[in-house]
Amino acid sequence: MLLVWDENAWQDYLWWQAQDRRVLKRINLLLADIQRQYRLTYLFIAHDLSVVEYLSDRVGVMYLGKMAELASSEDLYAEPLHPYTKALLAAVPELGVAPPPLQGEPASPLSVPSGCAFHPRCPLAIPTCSEVELDVPLERLHVGAGALPDGDIRRVACIRAREL
């Protein structure tokens, strides 16, 4: 059975996260117990990767409706490969640390740039990035420490992924 949590369903959860870490830990344990007991699959739709980390085995990061990176939670958080994933993780608030700003303005979903949609804001973009769009299947990379349960390997939609 699949349980989908969208951004609105997260509002109460995020409020608890801000209030008390002990309560958050209890909620996480309860959700994990329910998941095991009823053999559930959770699909979280969120912009805050710090919340997703605790409850996910596998994480997919999307940019403008396209998959940018798919990896085990362990691999994605230990070593993000797509520049957008790196930017999202760098934006997770830390006390006294300002996240590094991304250059440019976010693209409009009504006028997606050619090639890789993230290239206008990507600090690693090269001219080819505006011409080539990687589509499914994404670039296949090594199996990391956190190999996905079904034996799948890590995937990233970036032509520079092997260089990073």
C-alpha atoms as a PDB file:
ATOM      1  CA  MET A   1       0.000   0.000   0.000  1.00  0.00           C
ATOM      2  CA  LEU A   2       1.228   3.490  -0.857  1.00  0.00           C
ATOM      3  CA  LEU A   3       0.732   6.468   1.443  1.00  0.00           C
ATOM      4  CA  VAL A   4       1.397   9.842  -0.220  1.00  0.00           C
ATOM      5  CA  TRP A   5       2.358  12.813   1.948  1.00  0.00           C
ATOM      6  CA  ASP A   6       2.325  16.145   0.153  1.00  0.00           C
ATOM      7  CA  GLU A   7       3.598  19.478   1.438  1.00  0.00           C
ATOM      8  CA  ASN A   8       0.282  20.255   3.185  1.00  0.00           C
ATOM      9  CA  ALA A   9       0.344  16.976   5.119  1.00  0.00           C
ATOM     10  CA  TRP A  10       3.789  17.949   6.408  1.00  0.00           C
ATOM     11  CA  GLN A  11       2.648  21.186   8.077  1.00  0.00           C
ATOM     12  CA  ASP A  12       1.866  19.665  11.498  1.00  0.00           C
ATOM     13  CA  TYR A  13       4.917  17.412  11.292  1.00  0.00           C
ATOM     14  CA  LEU A  14       7.201  20.362  10.550  1.00  0.00           C
ATOM     15  CA  TRP A  15       5.674  22.311  13.435  1.00  0.00           C
ATOM     16  CA  TRP A  16       6.576  19.462  15.815  1.00  0.00           C
ATOM     17  CA  GLN A  17      10.062  19.331  14.348  1.00  0.00           C
ATOM     18  CA  ALA A  18      10.583  22.970  15.249  1.00  0.00           C
ATOM     19  CA  GLN A  19       9.191  22.492  18.758  1.00  0.00           C
ATOM     20  CA  ASP A  20      10.802  19.470  20.324  1.00  0.00           C
ATOM     21  CA  ARG A  21      13.316  16.955  18.953  1.00  0.00           C
ATOM     22  CA  ARG A  22      12.130  14.282  21.414  1.00  0.00           C
ATOM     23  CA  VAL A  23       8.593  14.494  20.054  1.00  0.00           C
ATOM     24  CA  LEU A  24       9.921  14.394  16.485  1.00  0.00           C
ATOM     25  CA  LYS A  25      11.908  11.247  17.287  1.00  0.00           C
ATOM     26  CA  ARG A  26       8.771   9.598  18.702  1.00  0.00           C
ATOM     27  CA  ILE A  27       6.791  10.551  15.603  1.00  0.00           C
ATOM     28  CA  ASN A  28       9.538   9.138  13.349  1.00  0.00           C
ATOM     29  CA  LEU A  29       9.598   5.867  15.317  1.00  0.00           C
ATOM     30  CA  LEU A  30       5.809   5.637  15.193  1.00  0.00           C
ATOM     31  CA  LEU A  31       5.766   6.193  11.425  1.00  0.00           C
ATOM     32  CA  ALA A  32       8.493   3.568  10.966  1.00  0.00           C
ATOM     33  CA  ASP A  33       6.549   1.071  13.130  1.00  0.00           C
ATOM     34  CA  ILE A  34       3.345   1.694  11.171  1.00  0.00           C
ATOM     35  CA  GLN A  35       5.275   1.298   7.925  1.00  0.00           C
ATOM     36  CA  ARG A  36       6.658  -2.101   8.974  1.00  0.00           C
ATOM     37  CA  GLN A  37       3.442  -3.355  10.569  1.00  0.00           C
ATOM     38  CA  TYR A  38       1.231  -2.563   7.593  1.00  0.00           C
ATOM     39  CA  ARG A  39       3.909  -2.982   4.884  1.00  0.00           C
ATOM     40  CA  LEU A  40       3.430   0.583   3.694  1.00  0.00           C
ATOM     41  CA  THR A  41       5.406   2.543   1.184  1.00  0.00           C
ATOM     42  CA  TYR A  42       5.636   6.247   1.970  1.00  0.00           C
ATOM     43  CA  LEU A  43       5.969   8.807  -0.804  1.00  0.00           C
ATOM     44  CA  PHE A  44       6.978  12.188   0.630  1.00  0.00           C
ATOM     45  CA  ILE A  45       6.613  15.290  -1.510  1.00  0.00           C
ATOM     46  CA  ALA A  46       8.623  18.010   0.212  1.00  0.00           C
ATOM     47  CA  HIS A  47      11.143  20.761  -0.334  1.00  0.00           C
ATOM     48  CA  ASP A  48      12.896  20.211   2.984  1.00  0.00           C
ATOM     49  CA  LEU A  49      15.358  17.363   2.488  1.00  0.00           C
ATOM     50  CA  SER A  50      16.300  17.424   6.177  1.00  0.00           C
ATOM     51  CA  VAL A  51      12.852  16.029   7.030  1.00  0.00           C
ATOM     52  CA  VAL A  52      12.854  13.404   4.272  1.00  0.00           C
ATOM     53  CA  GLU A  53      16.219  12.022   5.382  1.00  0.00           C
ATOM     54  CA  TYR A  54      14.926  10.368   8.544  1.00  0.00           C
ATOM     55  CA  LEU A  55      12.040   8.473   6.975  1.00  0.00           C
ATOM     56  CA  SER A  56      13.264   7.465   3.538  1.00  0.00           C
ATOM     57  CA  ASP A  57      15.293   4.539   2.215  1.00  0.00           C
ATOM     58  CA  ARG A  58      15.400   5.988  -1.291  1.00  0.00           C
ATOM     59  CA  VAL A  59      15.216   9.640  -2.338  1.00  0.00           C
ATOM     60  CA  GLY A  60      14.382  11.159  -5.702  1.00  0.00           C
ATOM     61  CA  VAL A  61      15.154  14.831  -6.248  1.00  0.00           C
ATOM     62  CA  MET A  62      13.194  16.608  -8.972  1.00  0.00           C
ATOM     63  CA  TYR A  63      13.746  19.960 -10.662  1.00  0.00           C
ATOM     64  CA  LEU A  64      10.937  21.449 -12.759  1.00  0.00           C
ATOM     65  CA  GLY A  65       9.151  18.101 -12.926  1.00  0.00           C
ATOM     66  CA  LYS A  66      12.149  16.041 -14.037  1.00  0.00           C
ATOM     67  CA  MET A  67      14.184  13.638 -11.945  1.00  0.00           C
ATOM     68  CA  ALA A  68      17.613  15.100 -11.176  1.00  0.00           C
ATOM     69  CA  GLU A  69      18.925  12.381  -8.861  1.00  0.00           C
ATOM     70  CA  LEU A  70      17.771   9.050  -7.448  1.00  0.00           C
ATOM     71  CA  ALA A  71      19.789   7.317  -4.749  1.00  0.00           C
ATOM     72  CA  SER A  72      19.611   5.520  -1.464  1.00  0.00           C
ATOM     73  CA  SER A  73      19.048   7.989   1.346  1.00  0.00           C
ATOM     74  CA  GLU A  74      22.456   7.107   2.778  1.00  0.00           C
ATOM     75  CA  ASP A  75      24.299   7.860  -0.478  1.00  0.00           C
ATOM     76  CA  LEU A  76      22.342  10.991  -1.352  1.00  0.00           C
ATOM     77  CA  TYR A  77      22.973  12.660   2.001  1.00  0.00           C
ATOM     78  CA  ALA A  78      26.598  11.508   2.258  1.00  0.00           C
ATOM     79  CA  GLU A  79      27.552  12.536  -1.269  1.00  0.00           C
ATOM     80  CA  PRO A  80      24.996  14.373  -3.415  1.00  0.00           C
ATOM     81  CA  LEU A  81      26.031  14.315  -7.074  1.00  0.00           C
ATOM     82  CA  HIS A  82      23.614  16.575  -8.958  1.00  0.00           C
ATOM     83  CA  PRO A  83      24.331  20.296  -8.500  1.00  0.00           C
ATOM     84  CA  TYR A  84      20.646  20.926  -7.658  1.00  0.00           C
ATOM     85  CA  THR A  85      20.697  18.258  -4.940  1.00  0.00           C
ATOM     86  CA  LYS A  86      23.850  19.858  -3.539  1.00  0.00           C
ATOM     87  CA  ALA A  87      22.124  23.260  -3.548  1.00  0.00           C
ATOM     88  CA  LEU A  88      19.047  21.886  -1.774  1.00  0.00           C
ATOM     89  CA  LEU A  89      21.128  20.243   0.933  1.00  0.00           C
ATOM     90  CA  ALA A  90      23.239  23.386   1.350  1.00  0.00           C
ATOM     91  CA  ALA A  91      20.009  25.346   1.898  1.00  0.00           C
ATOM     92  CA  VAL A  92      19.037  23.277   4.962  1.00  0.00           C
ATOM     93  CA  PRO A  93      19.181  25.807   7.813  1.00  0.00           C
ATOM     94  CA  GLU A  94      22.061  25.602  10.269  1.00  0.00           C
ATOM     95  CA  LEU A  95      22.373  27.858  13.262  1.00  0.00           C
ATOM     96  CA  GLY A  96      24.556  30.845  12.395  1.00  0.00           C
ATOM     97  CA  VAL A  97      25.332  29.679   8.843  1.00  0.00           C
ATOM     98  CA  ALA A  98      23.855  31.386   5.795  1.00  0.00           C
ATOM     99  CA  PRO A  99      23.258  29.055   2.818  1.00  0.00           C
ATOM    100  CA  PRO A 100      25.249  29.894  -0.308  1.00  0.00           C
ATOM    101  CA  PRO A 101      23.024  31.707  -2.800  1.00  0.00           C
ATOM    102  CA  LEU A 102      22.332  30.232  -6.231  1.00  0.00           C
ATOM    103  CA  GLN A 103      23.001  32.475  -9.199  1.00  0.00           C
ATOM    104  CA  GLY A 104      20.145  33.705 -11.383  1.00  0.00           C
ATOM    105  CA  GLU A 105      16.414  33.321 -11.055  1.00  0.00           C
ATOM    106  CA  PRO A 106      14.463  30.044 -10.924  1.00  0.00           C
ATOM    107  CA  ALA A 107      13.138  29.008 -14.333  1.00  0.00           C
ATOM    108  CA  SER A 108       9.427  29.131 -15.008  1.00  0.00           C
ATOM    109  CA  PRO A 109       7.695  25.773 -15.473  1.00  0.00           C
ATOM    110  CA  LEU A 110       5.896  27.451 -18.385  1.00  0.00           C
ATOM    111  CA  SER A 111       9.188  28.196 -20.142  1.00  0.00           C
ATOM    112  CA  VAL A 112      11.677  25.482 -19.220  1.00  0.00           C
ATOM    113  CA  PRO A 113      15.199  26.169 -20.526  1.00  0.00           C
ATOM    114  CA  SER A 114      16.563  23.904 -23.244  1.00  0.00           C
ATOM    115  CA  GLY A 115      18.900  21.099 -22.295  1.00  0.00           C
ATOM    116  CA  CYS A 116      19.269  20.613 -18.553  1.00  0.00           C
ATOM    117  CA  ALA A 117      16.608  22.801 -16.945  1.00  0.00           C
ATOM    118  CA  PHE A 118      18.977  23.648 -14.087  1.00  0.00           C
ATOM    119  CA  HIS A 119      21.848  24.879 -16.300  1.00  0.00           C
ATOM    120  CA  PRO A 120      21.066  28.640 -16.014  1.00  0.00           C
ATOM    121  CA  ARG A 121      21.597  28.415 -12.211  1.00  0.00           C
ATOM    122  CA  CYS A 122      24.198  25.651 -12.117  1.00  0.00           C
ATOM    123  CA  PRO A 123      27.681  26.674 -10.963  1.00  0.00           C
ATOM    124  CA  LEU A 124      29.165  23.753 -12.953  1.00  0.00           C
ATOM    125  CA  ALA A 125      27.317  24.316 -16.249  1.00  0.00           C
ATOM    126  CA  ILE A 126      29.195  24.098 -19.523  1.00  0.00           C
ATOM    127  CA  PRO A 127      27.798  24.981 -22.987  1.00  0.00           C
ATOM    128  CA  THR A 128      26.742  21.369 -23.640  1.00  0.00           C
ATOM    129  CA  CYS A 129      24.384  21.544 -20.636  1.00  0.00           C
ATOM    130  CA  SER A 130      22.101  23.928 -22.551  1.00  0.00           C
ATOM    131  CA  GLU A 131      21.932  21.475 -25.464  1.00  0.00           C
ATOM    132  CA  VAL A 132      21.669  17.998 -23.907  1.00  0.00           C
ATOM    133  CA  GLU A 133      18.797  16.899 -21.713  1.00  0.00           C
ATOM    134  CA  LEU A 134      19.298  13.593 -19.949  1.00  0.00           C
ATOM    135  CA  ASP A 135      16.045  11.733 -19.766  1.00  0.00           C
ATOM    136  CA  VAL A 136      15.055   8.438 -18.179  1.00  0.00           C
ATOM    137  CA  PRO A 137      16.997   6.232 -17.887  1.00  0.00           C
ATOM    138  CA  LEU A 138      19.261   8.585 -16.018  1.00  0.00           C
ATOM    139  CA  GLU A 139      23.039   8.247 -16.032  1.00  0.00           C
ATOM    140  CA  ARG A 140      23.862   5.042 -14.151  1.00  0.00           C
ATOM    141  CA  LEU A 141      26.568   5.316 -11.561  1.00  0.00           C
ATOM    142  CA  HIS A 142      28.282   3.058  -9.067  1.00  0.00           C
ATOM    143  CA  VAL A 143      26.474   1.290  -6.279  1.00  0.00           C
ATOM    144  CA  GLY A 144      27.389   3.221  -3.153  1.00  0.00           C
ATOM    145  CA  ALA A 145      27.529   2.159   0.455  1.00  0.00           C
ATOM    146  CA  GLY A 146      23.767   2.396   0.708  1.00  0.00           C
ATOM    147  CA  ALA A 147      22.792   0.140  -2.181  1.00  0.00           C
ATOM    148  CA  LEU A 148      19.105   0.317  -2.926  1.00  0.00           C
ATOM    149  CA  PRO A 149      17.062  -2.612  -1.615  1.00  0.00           C
ATOM    150  CA  ASP A 150      16.016  -3.826  -5.063  1.00  0.00           C
ATOM    151  CA  GLY A 151      19.625  -3.868  -6.290  1.00  0.00           C
ATOM    152  CA  ASP A 152      19.115  -0.763  -8.439  1.00  0.00           C
ATOM    153  CA  ILE A 153      22.023   1.601  -8.793  1.00  0.00           C
ATOM    154  CA  ARG A 154      22.304   5.321  -8.248  1.00  0.00           C
ATOM    155  CA  ARG A 155      21.115   7.597 -11.011  1.00  0.00           C
ATOM    156  CA  VAL A 156      21.814  11.246 -11.764  1.00  0.00           C
ATOM    157  CA  ALA A 157      20.700  13.434 -14.671  1.00  0.00           C
ATOM    158  CA  CYS A 158      23.900  15.401 -15.182  1.00  0.00           C
ATOM    159  CA  ILE A 159      26.335  15.043 -18.058  1.00  0.00           C
ATOM    160  CA  ARG A 160      29.167  15.986 -15.667  1.00  0.00           C
ATOM    161  CA  ALA A 161      28.207  13.391 -13.039  1.00  0.00           C
ATOM    162  CA  ARG A 162      31.257  11.201 -13.575  1.00  0.00           C
ATOM    163  CA  GLU A 163      33.542  14.231 -13.114  1.00  0.00           C
ATOM    164  CA  LEU A 164      31.979  15.309  -9.824  1.00  0.00           C
END
